[in-house]
Amino acid sequence: MKHKNYPAFLLALLLLIAPLSVLAVDFAFADLDGNENKLSQYKGKWVLVNFWATWCPPCRKEIPELSDFHLENEDAVVIGVNYEPGIKDERLRKFMAVYLISYPVTRVNDEIIAAVGQPVGLPTSVLINPQGEVIETIAGMVSEQTLNQIIAKYDQKNN
C-alpha cells in the first residue's frame, strides 16, 4: 500500500537526520594538572587525537614527530590520550618529561571513545578538521610529514 505522504515523510526524516551527520565531535578531558578542557575549544584548528601507551615502542618512537607537529603548526594541536588504566600520575609525568612531550595529555575515558571511536591498536591517531569533523583515523605510527600531507590534500580539495 502506497502512502500519499510518503515523499513528504522521507524529506522530513532526511531533514532531521542530515544535521546529525555533520555535527562536530566533542568531548571533555582533564590534563594531568586537573585542568578541564573540551575538544570544541580548539575549533578552527586541526586536532590530532593520539591514543598511546608508555609500554608501546611505536608510540614512543612517534612522540618526537607529534611534538614537532604540535609546536610548529599554529593551526594544529595534538592531544595525547594515554591508554593505560591504572598508571600513576607520577609515572606518567616522568615519562612525559623524559620524552619531552610538548602537547596536552589526558587519560582515556568513555566520552573520548564515544566521540572518536575505539582505537584499533596502539598507536592510533584521529585527525579532526577545523570544523570539528573526523576526517581520518590512522592505525599505527604517523609522521609530521604525513600529517602535513593529509592536511594539505584536504585543504586543496576543500578550497
C-alpha atoms as a PDB file:
ATOM      1  CA  MET A   1       0.000   0.000   0.000  1.00  0.00           C
ATOM      2  CA  LYS A   2       1.372   3.387  -1.040  1.00  0.00           C
ATOM      3  CA  HIS A   3       1.031   6.247   1.331  1.00  0.00           C
ATOM      4  CA  LYS A   4       0.405   9.559  -0.434  1.00  0.00           C
ATOM      5  CA  ASN A   5       2.513  11.492   2.109  1.00  0.00           C
ATOM      6  CA  TYR A   6       5.444   9.086   1.864  1.00  0.00           C
ATOM      7  CA  PRO A   7       7.739  11.538  -0.058  1.00  0.00           C
ATOM      8  CA  ALA A   8       6.986  14.316   2.442  1.00  0.00           C
ATOM      9  CA  PHE A   9       7.675  11.947   5.342  1.00  0.00           C
ATOM     10  CA  LEU A  10      11.019  10.923   3.809  1.00  0.00           C
ATOM     11  CA  LEU A  11      12.001  14.540   3.256  1.00  0.00           C
ATOM     12  CA  ALA A  12      11.126  15.426   6.852  1.00  0.00           C
ATOM     13  CA  LEU A  13      13.116  12.436   8.104  1.00  0.00           C
ATOM     14  CA  LEU A  14      16.134  13.372   5.983  1.00  0.00           C
ATOM     15  CA  LEU A  15      15.998  16.938   7.265  1.00  0.00           C
ATOM     16  CA  LEU A  16      16.053  15.626  10.826  1.00  0.00           C
ATOM     17  CA  ILE A  17      18.873  13.141  10.242  1.00  0.00           C
ATOM     18  CA  ALA A  18      21.128  15.188   7.924  1.00  0.00           C
ATOM     19  CA  PRO A  19      22.336  17.668  10.561  1.00  0.00           C
ATOM     20  CA  LEU A  20      23.352  14.775  12.820  1.00  0.00           C
ATOM     21  CA  SER A  21      25.851  13.506  10.269  1.00  0.00           C
ATOM     22  CA  VAL A  22      27.737  16.811  10.133  1.00  0.00           C
ATOM     23  CA  LEU A  23      27.786  17.607  13.833  1.00  0.00           C
ATOM     24  CA  ALA A  24      31.243  18.334  15.140  1.00  0.00           C
ATOM     25  CA  VAL A  25      32.680  15.793  17.539  1.00  0.00           C
ATOM     26  CA  ASP A  26      33.312  16.999  21.050  1.00  0.00           C
ATOM     27  CA  PHE A  27      34.472  15.581  24.335  1.00  0.00           C
ATOM     28  CA  ALA A  28      35.688  16.806  27.693  1.00  0.00           C
ATOM     29  CA  PHE A  29      39.041  15.852  29.141  1.00  0.00           C
ATOM     30  CA  ALA A  30      41.265  16.793  32.055  1.00  0.00           C
ATOM     31  CA  ASP A  31      45.013  17.162  31.659  1.00  0.00           C
ATOM     32  CA  LEU A  32      47.383  15.770  34.292  1.00  0.00           C
ATOM     33  CA  ASP A  33      47.206  19.031  36.242  1.00  0.00           C
ATOM     34  CA  GLY A  34      43.434  18.661  36.539  1.00  0.00           C
ATOM     35  CA  ASN A  35      42.627  21.445  34.073  1.00  0.00           C
ATOM     36  CA  GLU A  36      39.305  20.754  32.367  1.00  0.00           C
ATOM     37  CA  ASN A  37      39.258  21.115  28.592  1.00  0.00           C
ATOM     38  CA  LYS A  38      36.872  20.447  25.737  1.00  0.00           C
ATOM     39  CA  LEU A  39      37.766  19.485  22.206  1.00  0.00           C
ATOM     40  CA  SER A  40      35.468  22.278  20.978  1.00  0.00           C
ATOM     41  CA  GLN A  41      37.810  24.915  22.436  1.00  0.00           C
ATOM     42  CA  TYR A  42      40.161  24.039  19.547  1.00  0.00           C
ATOM     43  CA  LYS A  43      37.539  24.714  16.860  1.00  0.00           C
ATOM     44  CA  GLY A  44      39.264  26.455  13.956  1.00  0.00           C
ATOM     45  CA  LYS A  45      42.379  24.305  14.408  1.00  0.00           C
ATOM     46  CA  TRP A  46      43.378  20.880  13.210  1.00  0.00           C
ATOM     47  CA  VAL A  47      43.332  18.435  16.123  1.00  0.00           C
ATOM     48  CA  LEU A  48      45.163  15.130  16.262  1.00  0.00           C
ATOM     49  CA  VAL A  49      43.856  12.835  18.980  1.00  0.00           C
ATOM     50  CA  ASN A  50      46.641  10.303  19.553  1.00  0.00           C
ATOM     51  CA  PHE A  51      45.981   7.121  21.547  1.00  0.00           C
ATOM     52  CA  TRP A  52      49.219   5.805  23.055  1.00  0.00           C
ATOM     53  CA  ALA A  53      50.804   3.928  25.970  1.00  0.00           C
ATOM     54  CA  THR A  54      54.166   4.143  27.717  1.00  0.00           C
ATOM     55  CA  TRP A  55      54.864   0.430  27.066  1.00  0.00           C
ATOM     56  CA  CYS A  56      54.272   0.773  23.293  1.00  0.00           C
ATOM     57  CA  PRO A  57      57.533   1.051  21.241  1.00  0.00           C
ATOM     58  CA  PRO A  58      55.899   2.602  18.131  1.00  0.00           C
ATOM     59  CA  CYS A  59      54.102   5.106  20.395  1.00  0.00           C
ATOM     60  CA  ARG A  60      57.397   6.154  21.941  1.00  0.00           C
ATOM     61  CA  LYS A  61      59.021   6.394  18.509  1.00  0.00           C
ATOM     62  CA  GLU A  62      56.387   8.777  17.104  1.00  0.00           C
ATOM     63  CA  ILE A  63      56.364  11.175  20.100  1.00  0.00           C
ATOM     64  CA  PRO A  64      59.122  13.480  18.720  1.00  0.00           C
ATOM     65  CA  GLU A  65      57.225  13.808  15.407  1.00  0.00           C
ATOM     66  CA  LEU A  66      53.990  14.605  17.223  1.00  0.00           C
ATOM     67  CA  SER A  67      55.737  17.139  19.468  1.00  0.00           C
ATOM     68  CA  ASP A  68      57.237  18.849  16.406  1.00  0.00           C
ATOM     69  CA  PHE A  69      53.861  18.886  14.646  1.00  0.00           C
ATOM     70  CA  HIS A  70      52.242  20.398  17.744  1.00  0.00           C
ATOM     71  CA  LEU A  71      54.932  23.068  18.204  1.00  0.00           C
ATOM     72  CA  GLU A  72      55.454  24.001  14.549  1.00  0.00           C
ATOM     73  CA  ASN A  73      51.828  24.410  13.458  1.00  0.00           C
ATOM     74  CA  GLU A  74      49.928  27.345  14.937  1.00  0.00           C
ATOM     75  CA  ASP A  75      46.744  25.998  13.406  1.00  0.00           C
ATOM     76  CA  ALA A  76      47.099  22.492  14.854  1.00  0.00           C
ATOM     77  CA  VAL A  77      47.148  20.808  18.239  1.00  0.00           C
ATOM     78  CA  VAL A  78      47.897  17.289  19.414  1.00  0.00           C
ATOM     79  CA  ILE A  79      46.012  15.755  22.314  1.00  0.00           C
ATOM     80  CA  GLY A  80      47.712  12.674  23.706  1.00  0.00           C
ATOM     81  CA  VAL A  81      45.275  10.125  25.113  1.00  0.00           C
ATOM     82  CA  ASN A  82      47.079   7.687  27.394  1.00  0.00           C
ATOM     83  CA  TYR A  83      45.517   4.249  27.073  1.00  0.00           C
ATOM     84  CA  GLU A  84      46.764   2.701  30.328  1.00  0.00           C
ATOM     85  CA  PRO A  85      44.132   2.439  33.029  1.00  0.00           C
ATOM     86  CA  GLY A  86      45.758   2.483  36.430  1.00  0.00           C
ATOM     87  CA  ILE A  87      49.060   4.158  35.502  1.00  0.00           C
ATOM     88  CA  LYS A  88      50.087   6.514  38.299  1.00  0.00           C
ATOM     89  CA  ASP A  89      50.248  10.264  37.601  1.00  0.00           C
ATOM     90  CA  GLU A  90      53.852  10.419  38.826  1.00  0.00           C
ATOM     91  CA  ARG A  91      54.972   7.705  36.398  1.00  0.00           C
ATOM     92  CA  LEU A  92      53.142   9.365  33.519  1.00  0.00           C
ATOM     93  CA  ARG A  93      54.642  12.793  34.315  1.00  0.00           C
ATOM     94  CA  LYS A  94      58.159  11.295  34.450  1.00  0.00           C
ATOM     95  CA  PHE A  95      57.590   9.591  31.091  1.00  0.00           C
ATOM     96  CA  MET A  96      56.370  12.868  29.566  1.00  0.00           C
ATOM     97  CA  ALA A  97      59.446  14.701  30.876  1.00  0.00           C
ATOM     98  CA  VAL A  98      61.868  12.075  29.545  1.00  0.00           C
ATOM     99  CA  TYR A  99      60.195  12.034  26.107  1.00  0.00           C
ATOM    100  CA  LEU A 100      59.747  15.839  26.032  1.00  0.00           C
ATOM    101  CA  ILE A 101      56.045  15.651  25.228  1.00  0.00           C
ATOM    102  CA  SER A 102      55.004  19.195  24.266  1.00  0.00           C
ATOM    103  CA  TYR A 103      51.261  18.631  23.909  1.00  0.00           C
ATOM    104  CA  PRO A 104      48.451  18.124  26.429  1.00  0.00           C
ATOM    105  CA  VAL A 105      47.996  14.584  27.709  1.00  0.00           C
ATOM    106  CA  THR A 106      44.882  13.088  29.202  1.00  0.00           C
ATOM    107  CA  ARG A 107      43.709   9.624  30.158  1.00  0.00           C
ATOM    108  CA  VAL A 108      41.297   7.659  28.026  1.00  0.00           C
ATOM    109  CA  ASN A 109      37.667   7.979  29.051  1.00  0.00           C
ATOM    110  CA  ASP A 110      34.314   6.803  27.740  1.00  0.00           C
ATOM    111  CA  GLU A 111      33.462  10.240  26.356  1.00  0.00           C
ATOM    112  CA  ILE A 112      36.584  10.301  24.158  1.00  0.00           C
ATOM    113  CA  ILE A 113      35.875   6.780  22.871  1.00  0.00           C
ATOM    114  CA  ALA A 114      32.245   7.701  22.130  1.00  0.00           C
ATOM    115  CA  ALA A 115      33.345  10.805  20.194  1.00  0.00           C
ATOM    116  CA  VAL A 116      36.211   9.448  18.070  1.00  0.00           C
ATOM    117  CA  GLY A 117      35.944   5.671  18.368  1.00  0.00           C
ATOM    118  CA  GLN A 118      37.871   2.836  19.922  1.00  0.00           C
ATOM    119  CA  PRO A 119      41.486   2.613  18.745  1.00  0.00           C
ATOM    120  CA  VAL A 120      42.201  -0.492  16.673  1.00  0.00           C
ATOM    121  CA  GLY A 121      45.648  -0.767  18.222  1.00  0.00           C
ATOM    122  CA  LEU A 122      48.338   1.478  19.594  1.00  0.00           C
ATOM    123  CA  PRO A 123      49.229   3.966  18.427  1.00  0.00           C
ATOM    124  CA  THR A 124      46.078   5.156  16.692  1.00  0.00           C
ATOM    125  CA  SER A 125      45.551   8.780  15.688  1.00  0.00           C
ATOM    126  CA  VAL A 126      42.329  10.531  14.750  1.00  0.00           C
ATOM    127  CA  LEU A 127      42.638  13.711  12.672  1.00  0.00           C
ATOM    128  CA  ILE A 128      39.864  16.276  13.128  1.00  0.00           C
ATOM    129  CA  ASN A 129      39.476  19.223  10.767  1.00  0.00           C
ATOM    130  CA  PRO A 130      38.995  22.854  11.921  1.00  0.00           C
ATOM    131  CA  GLN A 131      35.220  22.416  11.673  1.00  0.00           C
ATOM    132  CA  GLY A 132      35.365  19.609  14.245  1.00  0.00           C
ATOM    133  CA  GLU A 133      34.779  16.684  11.870  1.00  0.00           C
ATOM    134  CA  VAL A 134      36.796  13.467  11.945  1.00  0.00           C
ATOM    135  CA  ILE A 135      38.439  13.174   8.543  1.00  0.00           C
ATOM    136  CA  GLU A 136      40.898  10.334   9.049  1.00  0.00           C
ATOM    137  CA  THR A 137      41.803   7.593  11.501  1.00  0.00           C
ATOM    138  CA  ILE A 138      45.374   6.343  11.234  1.00  0.00           C
ATOM    139  CA  ALA A 139      46.261   2.987  12.788  1.00  0.00           C
ATOM    140  CA  GLY A 140      49.966   2.736  13.523  1.00  0.00           C
ATOM    141  CA  MET A 141      52.696   5.335  13.641  1.00  0.00           C
ATOM    142  CA  VAL A 142      52.189   8.690  11.979  1.00  0.00           C
ATOM    143  CA  SER A 143      54.806  11.248  10.994  1.00  0.00           C
ATOM    144  CA  GLU A 144      54.703  15.030  10.916  1.00  0.00           C
ATOM    145  CA  GLN A 145      55.226  14.843   7.146  1.00  0.00           C
ATOM    146  CA  THR A 146      52.229  12.522   6.685  1.00  0.00           C
ATOM    147  CA  LEU A 147      50.015  14.777   8.804  1.00  0.00           C
ATOM    148  CA  ASN A 148      51.043  17.846   6.818  1.00  0.00           C
ATOM    149  CA  GLN A 149      50.371  15.997   3.546  1.00  0.00           C
ATOM    150  CA  ILE A 150      46.888  14.908   4.679  1.00  0.00           C
ATOM    151  CA  ILE A 151      46.059  18.464   5.758  1.00  0.00           C
ATOM    152  CA  ALA A 152      47.371  19.979   2.507  1.00  0.00           C
ATOM    153  CA  LYS A 153      45.399  17.463   0.430  1.00  0.00           C
ATOM    154  CA  TYR A 154      42.234  18.162   2.441  1.00  0.00           C
ATOM    155  CA  ASP A 155      42.699  21.947   2.192  1.00  0.00           C
ATOM    156  CA  GLN A 156      43.315  21.735  -1.562  1.00  0.00           C
ATOM    157  CA  LYS A 157      40.198  19.616  -2.056  1.00  0.00           C
ATOM    158  CA  ASN A 158      38.017  21.961   0.004  1.00  0.00           C
ATOM    159  CA  ASN A 159      39.212  25.323  -1.353  1.00  0.00           C
END
